[in-house]
Structure formats: structure tokens, C-alpha cells
Amino acid sequence: MGIDKQSDIAANIQIGPTDQGMVRIYIEADGGIELPLDFDADEAEEIAEELMTAAEAARAIAGGAKPKKKR
């Protein structure tokens, strides 16, 4: 399965800080799959930027491109 293919797999995602000063993305999927992914703060910010870029691209593909709000 590629990144641009739809899937029927369901999963839950949680994101938060760890007690070691890392950012954890925790994924839990059907079948007892648990995947904790830890990143330092800089890596987490890079992931956040990639998510924002992907969201903008998805909106454009869907034809509902909205202007990005400035923070």
C-alpha cells in the first residue's frame, strides 16, 4: 500500500510530551498493534510543518483550498 492509497485499517493516534522531554506520537491499531514513536522537539516541529503542507495540498486536490491563517 502506498501513501496515496485509501485503506480500511482503523487506528487511534495520540500526541503528547514524554517525561524525557520528547514528543511522542502513539499509534494503536486493530490487532493489538501499538507503535510509540518518540521525536525531539525539532523533529516534531518538522513533522508538524509536513502535516500542514500535506493538509494544504489535500485541500487543493479536493478543490476547497482555503487561505492559510497566520499565527
C-alpha atoms as a PDB file:
ATOM      1  CA  MET A   1       0.000   0.000   0.000  1.00  0.00           C
ATOM      2  CA  GLY A   2       1.367   3.413  -0.922  1.00  0.00           C
ATOM      3  CA  ILE A   3       0.930   6.688   0.876  1.00  0.00           C
ATOM      4  CA  ASP A   4      -1.717   7.843  -1.607  1.00  0.00           C
ATOM      5  CA  LYS A   5      -3.873   4.694  -1.421  1.00  0.00           C
ATOM      6  CA  GLN A   6      -7.022   4.513   0.712  1.00  0.00           C
ATOM      7  CA  SER A   7      -7.102   1.920   3.491  1.00  0.00           C
ATOM      8  CA  ASP A   8      -9.750   0.227   5.617  1.00  0.00           C
ATOM      9  CA  ILE A   9      -7.390  -0.066   8.588  1.00  0.00           C
ATOM     10  CA  ALA A  10      -8.586   1.868  11.629  1.00  0.00           C
ATOM     11  CA  ALA A  11      -6.173   3.345  14.159  1.00  0.00           C
ATOM     12  CA  ASN A  12      -6.106   5.788  17.050  1.00  0.00           C
ATOM     13  CA  ILE A  13      -3.391   8.398  17.415  1.00  0.00           C
ATOM     14  CA  GLN A  14      -2.282  10.311  20.495  1.00  0.00           C
ATOM     15  CA  ILE A  15       0.362  13.031  20.602  1.00  0.00           C
ATOM     16  CA  GLY A  16       1.990  14.474  23.692  1.00  0.00           C
ATOM     17  CA  PRO A  17       5.199  15.091  25.622  1.00  0.00           C
ATOM     18  CA  THR A  18       7.063  12.328  27.423  1.00  0.00           C
ATOM     19  CA  ASP A  19       8.713  12.580  30.831  1.00  0.00           C
ATOM     20  CA  GLN A  20      12.064  12.503  28.991  1.00  0.00           C
ATOM     21  CA  GLY A  21      11.413  15.748  27.089  1.00  0.00           C
ATOM     22  CA  MET A  22      10.484  14.065  23.828  1.00  0.00           C
ATOM     23  CA  VAL A  23       7.322  14.335  21.756  1.00  0.00           C
ATOM     24  CA  ARG A  24       5.546  11.005  21.397  1.00  0.00           C
ATOM     25  CA  ILE A  25       3.213  10.035  18.596  1.00  0.00           C
ATOM     26  CA  TYR A  26       1.442   6.915  19.817  1.00  0.00           C
ATOM     27  CA  ILE A  27      -0.489   4.825  17.306  1.00  0.00           C
ATOM     28  CA  GLU A  28      -2.778   1.966  18.300  1.00  0.00           C
ATOM     29  CA  ALA A  29      -4.423  -0.144  15.588  1.00  0.00           C
ATOM     30  CA  ASP A  30      -6.670  -3.163  15.333  1.00  0.00           C
ATOM     31  CA  GLY A  31      -4.965  -6.460  16.026  1.00  0.00           C
ATOM     32  CA  GLY A  32      -3.096  -5.273  19.109  1.00  0.00           C
ATOM     33  CA  ILE A  33      -0.629  -3.077  17.236  1.00  0.00           C
ATOM     34  CA  GLU A  34       0.918  -0.393  19.447  1.00  0.00           C
ATOM     35  CA  LEU A  35       3.547   1.907  17.986  1.00  0.00           C
ATOM     36  CA  PRO A  36       5.166   4.593  20.177  1.00  0.00           C
ATOM     37  CA  LEU A  37       7.285   6.996  18.119  1.00  0.00           C
ATOM     38  CA  ASP A  38       9.475   9.485  20.027  1.00  0.00           C
ATOM     39  CA  PHE A  39      10.972  12.634  18.492  1.00  0.00           C
ATOM     40  CA  ASP A  40      12.989  15.531  19.827  1.00  0.00           C
ATOM     41  CA  ALA A  41      11.301  18.943  19.655  1.00  0.00           C
ATOM     42  CA  ASP A  42      12.998  19.960  16.388  1.00  0.00           C
ATOM     43  CA  GLU A  43      11.944  16.749  14.663  1.00  0.00           C
ATOM     44  CA  ALA A  44       8.387  17.185  15.965  1.00  0.00           C
ATOM     45  CA  GLU A  45       8.247  20.705  14.513  1.00  0.00           C
ATOM     46  CA  GLU A  46       9.446  19.371  11.144  1.00  0.00           C
ATOM     47  CA  ILE A  47       6.681  16.745  11.236  1.00  0.00           C
ATOM     48  CA  ALA A  48       4.124  19.438  12.085  1.00  0.00           C
ATOM     49  CA  GLU A  49       5.273  21.514   9.105  1.00  0.00           C
ATOM     50  CA  GLU A  50       4.997  18.466   6.828  1.00  0.00           C
ATOM     51  CA  LEU A  51       1.459  17.835   8.120  1.00  0.00           C
ATOM     52  CA  MET A  52       0.465  21.432   7.385  1.00  0.00           C
ATOM     53  CA  THR A  53       1.922  21.227   3.873  1.00  0.00           C
ATOM     54  CA  ALA A  54       0.110  17.949   3.223  1.00  0.00           C
ATOM     55  CA  ALA A  55      -3.170  19.404   4.525  1.00  0.00           C
ATOM     56  CA  GLU A  56      -2.863  22.364   2.170  1.00  0.00           C
ATOM     57  CA  ALA A  57      -2.160  20.029  -0.764  1.00  0.00           C
ATOM     58  CA  ALA A  58      -5.128  17.834   0.161  1.00  0.00           C
ATOM     59  CA  ARG A  59      -7.417  20.879   0.239  1.00  0.00           C
ATOM     60  CA  ALA A  60      -6.180  21.941  -3.178  1.00  0.00           C
ATOM     61  CA  ILE A  61      -6.795  18.450  -4.594  1.00  0.00           C
ATOM     62  CA  ALA A  62     -10.282  18.423  -3.079  1.00  0.00           C
ATOM     63  CA  GLY A  63     -10.975  21.813  -4.643  1.00  0.00           C
ATOM     64  CA  GLY A  64     -11.571  23.540  -1.337  1.00  0.00           C
ATOM     65  CA  ALA A  65      -8.332  25.433  -0.886  1.00  0.00           C
ATOM     66  CA  LYS A  66      -8.654  27.921   1.957  1.00  0.00           C
ATOM     67  CA  PRO A  67      -6.105  30.617   2.671  1.00  0.00           C
ATOM     68  CA  LYS A  68      -3.718  29.662   5.447  1.00  0.00           C
ATOM     69  CA  LYS A  69      -4.293  31.625   8.662  1.00  0.00           C
ATOM     70  CA  LYS A  70      -1.270  33.482  10.008  1.00  0.00           C
ATOM     71  CA  ARG A  71      -0.316  32.633  13.587  1.00  0.00           C
END
